[in-house]
C-alpha atoms as a PDB file:
ATOM      1  CA  MET A   1      59.692 108.431 185.706  1.00  0.00           C
ATOM      2  CA  ASN A   2      57.720 110.281 182.431  1.00  0.00           C
ATOM      3  CA  PHE A   3      56.420 113.458 183.653  1.00  0.00           C
ATOM      4  CA  GLN A   4      55.380 114.555 180.215  1.00  0.00           C
ATOM      5  CA  LYS A   5      53.197 111.578 179.984  1.00  0.00           C
ATOM      6  CA  GLY A   6      50.060 113.753 178.392  1.00  0.00           C
ATOM      7  CA  ARG A   7      52.236 116.085 176.161  1.00  0.00           C
ATOM      8  CA  LEU A   8      52.566 115.286 172.326  1.00  0.00           C
ATOM      9  CA  ARG A   9      56.104 114.650 171.253  1.00  0.00           C
ATOM     10  CA  ASP A  10      56.954 117.143 168.372  1.00  0.00           C
ATOM     11  CA  GLU A  11      58.701 114.911 165.623  1.00  0.00           C
ATOM     12  CA  PRO A  12      61.873 116.645 164.598  1.00  0.00           C
ATOM     13  CA  GLU A  13      62.125 117.860 161.101  1.00  0.00           C
ATOM     14  CA  ILE A  14      64.783 118.726 158.846  1.00  0.00           C
ATOM     15  CA  ASN A  15      64.958 121.858 157.417  1.00  0.00           C
ATOM     16  CA  LEU A  16      65.533 121.311 153.774  1.00  0.00           C
ATOM     17  CA  ILE A  17      65.873 124.778 152.385  1.00  0.00           C
ATOM     18  CA  PRO A  18      69.761 125.898 153.963  1.00  0.00           C
ATOM     19  CA  MET A  19      70.631 122.345 152.533  1.00  0.00           C
ATOM     20  CA  ILE A  20      69.673 123.349 149.302  1.00  0.00           C
ATOM     21  CA  ASP A  21      71.241 126.886 149.372  1.00  0.00           C
ATOM     22  CA  VAL A  22      74.713 125.147 150.266  1.00  0.00           C
ATOM     23  CA  LEU A  23      74.224 122.519 147.401  1.00  0.00           C
ATOM     24  CA  LEU A  24      73.865 125.288 144.809  1.00  0.00           C
ATOM     25  CA  VAL A  25      76.578 127.059 146.468  1.00  0.00           C
ATOM     26  CA  ILE A  26      78.913 124.226 145.949  1.00  0.00           C
ATOM     27  CA  LEU A  27      77.516 123.476 142.347  1.00  0.00           C
ATOM     28  CA  ILE A  28      77.813 127.321 141.536  1.00  0.00           C
ATOM     29  CA  PHE A  29      81.384 127.533 142.727  1.00  0.00           C
ATOM     30  CA  LEU A  30      82.251 124.063 140.855  1.00  0.00           C
ATOM     31  CA  MET A  31      80.750 125.376 137.469  1.00  0.00           C
ATOM     32  CA  VAL A  32      82.994 128.765 137.968  1.00  0.00           C
ATOM     33  CA  THR A  33      86.217 127.064 138.675  1.00  0.00           C
ATOM     34  CA  THR A  34      86.133 124.085 136.173  1.00  0.00           C
ATOM     35  CA  THR A  35      88.235 124.823 133.038  1.00  0.00           C
ATOM     36  CA  TYR A  36      86.735 123.661 129.721  1.00  0.00           C
ATOM     37  CA  SER A  37      89.502 122.755 127.277  1.00  0.00           C
ATOM     38  CA  LYS A  38      88.859 123.359 123.595  1.00  0.00           C
ATOM     39  CA  PHE A  39      90.732 121.101 121.300  1.00  0.00           C
ATOM     40  CA  ALA A  40      92.242 122.835 118.245  1.00  0.00           C
ATOM     41  CA  GLY A  41      93.675 120.214 116.712  1.00  0.00           C
ATOM     42  CA  LEU A  42      91.970 117.872 113.952  1.00  0.00           C
ATOM     43  CA  GLU A  43      92.818 114.542 113.208  1.00  0.00           C
ATOM     44  CA  ILE A  44      93.030 114.208 109.319  1.00  0.00           C
ATOM     45  CA  ASN A  45      94.310 111.466 107.149  1.00  0.00           C
ATOM     46  CA  LEU A  46      96.336 112.565 104.175  1.00  0.00           C
ATOM     47  CA  PRO A  47      95.040 111.996 100.633  1.00  0.00           C
ATOM     48  CA  THR A  48      95.453 109.152  98.466  1.00  0.00           C
ATOM     49  CA  ALA A  49      95.040 108.757  94.578  1.00  0.00           C
ATOM     50  CA  ASP A  50      94.043 105.499  92.824  1.00  0.00           C
ATOM     51  CA  ALA A  51      95.577 106.772  89.429  1.00  0.00           C
ATOM     52  CA  GLN A  52      98.194 105.548  88.004  1.00  0.00           C
ATOM     53  CA  ALA A  53     101.760 107.204  88.442  1.00  0.00           C
ATOM     54  CA  GLN A  54     102.811 109.131  85.505  1.00  0.00           C
ATOM     55  CA  LYS A  55     106.590 108.845  84.341  1.00  0.00           C
ATOM     56  CA  GLU A  56     108.536 111.335  85.282  1.00  0.00           C
ATOM     57  CA  GLN A  57     109.084 114.314  83.287  1.00  0.00           C
ATOM     58  CA  PRO A  58     112.059 116.226  82.784  1.00  0.00           C
ATOM     59  CA  ASN A  59     110.174 119.347  83.226  1.00  0.00           C
ATOM     60  CA  GLU A  60     109.414 118.603  87.023  1.00  0.00           C
ATOM     61  CA  ILE A  61     111.058 120.111  90.083  1.00  0.00           C
ATOM     62  CA  ASN A  62     111.149 117.600  93.242  1.00  0.00           C
ATOM     63  CA  VAL A  63     110.856 119.384  96.466  1.00  0.00           C
ATOM     64  CA  THR A  64     110.977 117.138  99.420  1.00  0.00           C
ATOM     65  CA  ILE A  65     110.259 118.087 103.087  1.00  0.00           C
ATOM     66  CA  THR A  66     111.001 116.164 105.709  1.00  0.00           C
ATOM     67  CA  ALA A  67     109.248 115.910 109.434  1.00  0.00           C
ATOM     68  CA  LEU A  68     112.119 118.023 110.685  1.00  0.00           C
ATOM     69  CA  GLY A  69     111.386 120.689 108.158  1.00  0.00           C
ATOM     70  CA  GLU A  70     114.657 119.796 106.304  1.00  0.00           C
ATOM     71  CA  LEU A  71     113.885 120.681 102.347  1.00  0.00           C
ATOM     72  CA  THR A  72     115.663 119.041  99.375  1.00  0.00           C
ATOM     73  CA  VAL A  73     115.317 120.656  95.855  1.00  0.00           C
ATOM     74  CA  ASN A  74     115.855 117.903  93.106  1.00  0.00           C
ATOM     75  CA  LYS A  75     117.464 115.698  95.667  1.00  0.00           C
ATOM     76  CA  LEU A  76     120.083 118.602  96.760  1.00  0.00           C
ATOM     77  CA  PRO A  77     119.436 119.926 100.034  1.00  0.00           C
ATOM     78  CA  VAL A  78     118.625 123.382 100.711  1.00  0.00           C
ATOM     79  CA  ALA A  79     120.924 125.236 103.364  1.00  0.00           C
ATOM     80  CA  GLU A  80     118.375 127.575 104.726  1.00  0.00           C
ATOM     81  CA  ARG A  81     114.795 127.242 105.434  1.00  0.00           C
ATOM     82  CA  GLY A  82     113.802 130.963 104.251  1.00  0.00           C
ATOM     83  CA  VAL A  83     111.474 131.585 101.552  1.00  0.00           C
ATOM     84  CA  GLU A  84     114.236 133.468  99.640  1.00  0.00           C
ATOM     85  CA  ALA A  85     116.581 130.540  99.903  1.00  0.00           C
ATOM     86  CA  ILE A  86     114.244 128.050  98.727  1.00  0.00           C
ATOM     87  CA  ALA A  87     113.129 130.603  95.829  1.00  0.00           C
ATOM     88  CA  ALA A  88     116.702 130.513  95.062  1.00  0.00           C
ATOM     89  CA  ALA A  89     117.186 126.940  94.779  1.00  0.00           C
ATOM     90  CA  LEU A  90     113.994 126.569  92.649  1.00  0.00           C
ATOM     91  CA  ARG A  91     115.188 129.254  90.387  1.00  0.00           C
ATOM     92  CA  ALA A  92     118.686 127.393  89.696  1.00  0.00           C
ATOM     93  CA  ALA A  93     116.642 124.337  89.600  1.00  0.00           C
ATOM     94  CA  ALA A  94     114.540 125.427  86.743  1.00  0.00           C
ATOM     95  CA  GLY A  95     117.502 126.811  84.867  1.00  0.00           C
ATOM     96  CA  ASP A  96     116.374 128.113  81.283  1.00  0.00           C
ATOM     97  CA  ALA A  97     113.540 125.568  80.402  1.00  0.00           C
ATOM     98  CA  ALA A  98     111.565 125.920  77.360  1.00  0.00           C
ATOM     99  CA  LYS A  99     107.968 125.124  79.379  1.00  0.00           C
ATOM    100  CA  ASP A 100     107.462 125.926  82.829  1.00  0.00           C
ATOM    101  CA  PRO A 101     108.283 123.107  85.074  1.00  0.00           C
ATOM    102  CA  VAL A 102     105.862 121.545  87.537  1.00  0.00           C
ATOM    103  CA  VAL A 103     107.009 122.049  91.263  1.00  0.00           C
ATOM    104  CA  VAL A 104     105.982 118.668  92.555  1.00  0.00           C
ATOM    105  CA  ILE A 105     105.988 118.903  96.884  1.00  0.00           C
ATOM    106  CA  ASN A 106     106.686 115.465  98.497  1.00  0.00           C
ATOM    107  CA  ALA A 107     105.965 116.345 102.030  1.00  0.00           C
ATOM    108  CA  ASP A 108     106.362 113.848 104.803  1.00  0.00           C
ATOM    109  CA  ALA A 109     102.850 113.330 107.097  1.00  0.00           C
ATOM    110  CA  LYS A 110     104.235 114.943 109.755  1.00  0.00           C
ATOM    111  CA  ALA A 111     105.726 118.375 108.148  1.00  0.00           C
ATOM    112  CA  THR A 112     104.795 121.336 109.331  1.00  0.00           C
ATOM    113  CA  HIS A 113     102.118 123.236 107.374  1.00  0.00           C
ATOM    114  CA  GLN A 114     104.099 126.487 107.634  1.00  0.00           C
ATOM    115  CA  SER A 115     107.140 124.921 105.656  1.00  0.00           C
ATOM    116  CA  VAL A 116     104.842 123.743 102.750  1.00  0.00           C
ATOM    117  CA  VAL A 117     103.492 126.867 102.528  1.00  0.00           C
ATOM    118  CA  ASP A 118     106.966 128.538 102.451  1.00  0.00           C
ATOM    119  CA  VAL A 119     107.897 126.202  99.310  1.00  0.00           C
ATOM    120  CA  MET A 120     104.397 127.430  97.777  1.00  0.00           C
ATOM    121  CA  GLN A 121     105.437 131.058  98.412  1.00  0.00           C
ATOM    122  CA  ALA A 122     108.954 130.639  97.054  1.00  0.00           C
ATOM    123  CA  ALA A 123     107.421 128.943  93.974  1.00  0.00           C
ATOM    124  CA  GLN A 124     105.468 131.897  93.248  1.00  0.00           C
ATOM    125  CA  GLN A 125     108.422 134.368  93.854  1.00  0.00           C
ATOM    126  CA  SER A 126     110.306 132.579  91.299  1.00  0.00           C
ATOM    127  CA  GLY A 127     107.831 132.444  88.705  1.00  0.00           C
ATOM    128  CA  LEU A 128     106.782 128.809  88.747  1.00  0.00           C
ATOM    129  CA  PRO A 129     103.029 129.072  88.820  1.00  0.00           C
ATOM    130  CA  HIS A 130     102.277 125.193  88.358  1.00  0.00           C
ATOM    131  CA  ILE A 131     102.328 123.222  91.595  1.00  0.00           C
ATOM    132  CA  SER A 132     101.399 119.866  92.204  1.00  0.00           C
ATOM    133  CA  PHE A 133     101.456 117.775  95.644  1.00  0.00           C
ATOM    134  CA  ALA A 134     102.296 114.031  95.598  1.00  0.00           C
ATOM    135  CA  THR A 135     100.219 111.547  97.346  1.00  0.00           C
ATOM    136  CA  GLN A 136     100.604 107.971  98.279  1.00  0.00           C
ATOM    137  CA  GLN A 137      98.905 104.793  96.536  1.00  0.00           C
ATOM    138  CA  ALA A 138      95.696 103.887  98.334  1.00  0.00           C
ATOM    139  CA  GLN A 139      96.199 100.687 100.560  1.00  0.00           C
ATOM    140  CA  ARG A 140      93.758  97.989  99.808  1.00  0.00           C
END
């Protein structure tokens, strides 16, 4: 039995405005709660040199820095990592040289930047202004 034969049937409609409001609230919530990471590190390659290696000169002081931060001055280990201890070792290695010796820093690729800066600061305190960095031969 259809008692409503003459009436027009209303089409059901979906109200989109509340759905859009809910989606915008969810979007704002996700934007606010998301953490954005900013990467502070840079991937770098150590320098290489194509020049031929010079013969070792007697007025060089070789400072080696390992990946763990251990220091040697002319193959003699430095007990402490402080700038004063490194400066004392550099002064002892320089001795009474007629010419200003060149401090050659051989730093491992994974050595901390701070340990290299400490050696440079110790060389400055020791009165050794000439500093050089050892590089590896370019591989072809």
